[in-house]
């Protein structure tokens, strides 16, 4: 009878306390491993999400800073171009003033001491096959050549 009671007890799924503890230890070890495996997975996912949450805003801020920097450089270059264009305009006016025929004529007369040549002082030199031919110009021919030379510079 005792045996039948033990066998009934074993059949019904009853175990001794040692067996029960041993079985519970195995279950808890498996549960702990599974729990830690899940915990590690969740930890990795959480770290990835936090990393992305930090990196994405940093990239956006860096991009905006780069855009702002380029915009400031563009503005600075536009200002430099404007200043240089004004300087070019001033220098063009100065060139016009300095290369005026009246100014050049006054400098030639006052500082260098040049005067218009007399009709007998003008010599036109033509090169020919035989040599150089010297010709004296009349006063009217001189003025014609002089007018043509001034008009050639304007047109």
Protein backbone atom coordinates (compact mmCIF):
# COMPACT_ATOMS: atom_id res chain seq x y z
CA UNK A 1 0.00 0.00 0.00
CA UNK A 2 2.78 2.27 0.76
CA UNK A 3 4.19 1.56 -2.60
CA UNK A 4 0.93 2.21 -4.28
CA UNK A 5 0.73 5.49 -2.40
CA UNK A 6 4.25 6.41 -3.54
CA UNK A 7 3.49 5.38 -7.06
CA UNK A 8 0.20 7.33 -6.94
CA UNK A 9 2.10 10.23 -5.57
CA UNK A 10 4.69 9.98 -8.38
CA UNK A 11 1.93 9.45 -10.97
CA UNK A 12 0.10 12.54 -9.92
CA UNK A 13 3.26 14.61 -10.51
CA UNK A 14 4.33 14.95 -6.94
CA UNK A 15 8.06 15.11 -6.40
CA UNK A 16 10.26 15.14 -3.46
CA UNK A 17 11.49 18.43 -2.17
CA UNK A 18 15.00 17.77 -3.47
CA UNK A 19 13.71 16.97 -6.91
CA UNK A 20 11.45 19.96 -6.79
CA UNK A 21 14.31 22.27 -5.77
CA UNK A 22 16.55 20.82 -8.46
CA UNK A 23 13.82 21.27 -11.04
CA UNK A 24 13.18 24.86 -9.86
CA UNK A 25 16.89 25.68 -10.03
CA UNK A 26 17.02 24.47 -13.63
CA UNK A 27 13.95 26.50 -14.46
CA UNK A 28 15.27 29.60 -12.75
CA UNK A 29 18.65 29.26 -14.52
CA UNK A 30 16.87 28.96 -17.86
CA UNK A 31 14.57 31.84 -16.96
CA UNK A 32 17.49 33.96 -15.83
CA UNK A 33 19.37 33.26 -19.07
CA UNK A 34 16.31 34.05 -21.14
CA UNK A 35 15.62 37.16 -19.07
CA UNK A 36 19.19 38.38 -19.44
CA UNK A 37 19.16 37.61 -23.16
CA UNK A 38 16.02 39.72 -23.53
CA UNK A 39 17.50 42.37 -21.27
CA UNK A 40 20.66 42.55 -23.38
CA UNK A 41 18.57 42.88 -26.57
CA UNK A 42 16.50 45.68 -25.04
CA UNK A 43 19.65 47.35 -23.75
CA UNK A 44 21.25 47.26 -27.22
CA UNK A 45 18.08 48.68 -28.79
CA UNK A 46 17.91 51.40 -26.12
CA UNK A 47 21.56 52.34 -26.67
CA UNK A 48 21.01 52.51 -30.44
CA UNK A 49 17.94 54.71 -30.02
CA UNK A 50 19.77 57.03 -27.61
CA UNK A 51 22.75 57.22 -29.95
CA UNK A 52 20.51 58.12 -32.87
CA UNK A 53 18.67 60.62 -30.70
CA UNK A 54 21.98 62.37 -30.06
CA UNK A 55 23.62 62.01 -33.48
CA UNK A 56 20.70 63.16 -35.65
CA UNK A 57 20.27 66.54 -33.92
CA UNK A 58 24.05 67.05 -33.98
CA UNK A 59 24.09 66.43 -37.72
CA UNK A 60 21.21 68.85 -38.22
CA UNK A 61 22.91 71.54 -36.13
CA UNK A 62 26.21 71.02 -37.97
CA UNK A 63 24.41 71.30 -41.31
CA UNK A 64 22.72 74.54 -40.26
CA UNK A 65 26.04 75.94 -39.01
CA UNK A 66 27.67 75.10 -42.34
CA UNK A 67 24.83 76.81 -44.22
CA UNK A 68 25.15 79.89 -42.03
CA UNK A 69 28.92 79.99 -42.53
CA UNK A 70 28.58 79.76 -46.31
CA UNK A 71 25.90 82.44 -46.24
CA UNK A 72 28.16 84.79 -44.27
CA UNK A 73 31.06 84.12 -46.63
CA UNK A 74 28.82 84.82 -49.62
CA UNK A 75 27.66 88.07 -48.06
CA UNK A 76 31.25 89.07 -47.30
CA UNK A 77 32.31 88.31 -50.87
CA UNK A 78 29.39 90.31 -52.25
CA UNK A 79 30.50 93.27 -50.14
CA UNK A 80 34.07 92.87 -51.39
CA UNK A 81 32.85 92.75 -55.00
CA UNK A 82 30.83 95.93 -54.49
CA UNK A 83 33.81 97.74 -52.97
CA UNK A 84 36.13 96.55 -55.76
CA UNK A 85 33.63 97.61 -58.44
CA UNK A 86 33.51 101.09 -56.91
CA UNK A 87 37.31 101.20 -56.88
CA UNK A 88 37.42 100.13 -60.55
CA UNK A 89 34.98 102.92 -61.41
CA UNK A 90 37.13 105.47 -59.54
CA UNK A 91 40.27 104.24 -61.28
CA UNK A 92 38.56 104.40 -64.69
CA UNK A 93 37.65 108.03 -64.02
CA UNK A 94 41.23 108.71 -62.92
CA UNK A 95 42.55 107.12 -66.14
CA UNK A 96 40.22 109.30 -68.19
CA UNK A 97 41.44 112.39 -66.35
CA UNK A 98 45.12 111.50 -66.62
CA UNK A 99 44.97 110.57 -70.29
CA UNK A 100 43.08 113.70 -71.39
CA UNK A 101 44.84 115.33 -74.35
CA UNK A 102 44.65 118.80 -72.75
CA UNK A 103 46.44 117.55 -69.65
CA UNK A 104 49.14 115.80 -71.66
CA UNK A 105 49.64 118.93 -73.77
CA UNK A 106 49.97 121.17 -70.71
CA UNK A 107 52.50 118.80 -69.12
CA UNK A 108 54.48 118.69 -72.37
CA UNK A 109 54.57 122.49 -72.57
CA UNK A 110 55.12 123.36 -68.90
CA UNK A 111 57.23 120.54 -67.48
CA UNK A 112 59.14 119.27 -70.51
CA UNK A 113 59.24 122.49 -72.47
CA UNK A 114 57.85 121.14 -75.74
CA UNK A 115 56.10 123.40 -78.25
CA UNK A 116 54.33 122.83 -81.54
CA UNK A 117 56.86 122.54 -84.34
CA UNK A 118 57.24 125.21 -86.95
CA UNK A 119 56.51 124.24 -90.54
CA UNK A 120 60.20 123.91 -91.39
CA UNK A 121 60.83 121.73 -88.33
CA UNK A 122 58.54 118.90 -89.48
CA UNK A 123 60.25 116.12 -91.34
CA UNK A 124 58.33 113.15 -92.72
CA UNK A 125 60.46 110.15 -93.37
CA UNK A 126 59.41 107.57 -95.92
CA UNK A 127 61.41 104.45 -96.50
CA UNK A 128 61.93 103.48 -100.11
CA UNK A 129 63.91 100.76 -101.75
CA UNK A 130 66.80 103.12 -102.50
CA UNK A 131 66.99 104.72 -99.08
CA UNK A 132 65.27 107.35 -96.92
CA UNK A 133 63.54 110.34 -98.50
CA UNK A 134 63.25 113.49 -96.38
CA UNK A 135 60.31 115.82 -97.09
CA UNK A 136 59.47 119.19 -95.55
CA UNK A 137 55.75 119.77 -95.01
CA UNK A 138 53.86 122.95 -95.49
CA UNK A 139 51.91 124.41 -92.57
CA UNK A 140 48.50 123.42 -94.02
CA UNK A 141 49.65 119.82 -94.61
CA UNK A 142 50.95 119.70 -91.02
CA UNK A 143 47.56 120.73 -89.56
CA UNK A 144 45.78 118.14 -91.70
CA UNK A 145 48.02 115.36 -90.42
CA UNK A 146 47.71 116.61 -86.85
CA UNK A 147 43.87 116.69 -87.01
CA UNK A 148 43.79 113.18 -88.46
CA UNK A 149 46.02 111.86 -85.70
CA UNK A 150 43.79 113.36 -82.97
CA UNK A 151 40.62 112.07 -84.64
CA UNK A 152 42.11 108.61 -85.05
CA UNK A 153 42.50 108.31 -81.26
CA UNK A 154 38.81 109.15 -80.67
CA UNK A 155 37.25 106.91 -83.29
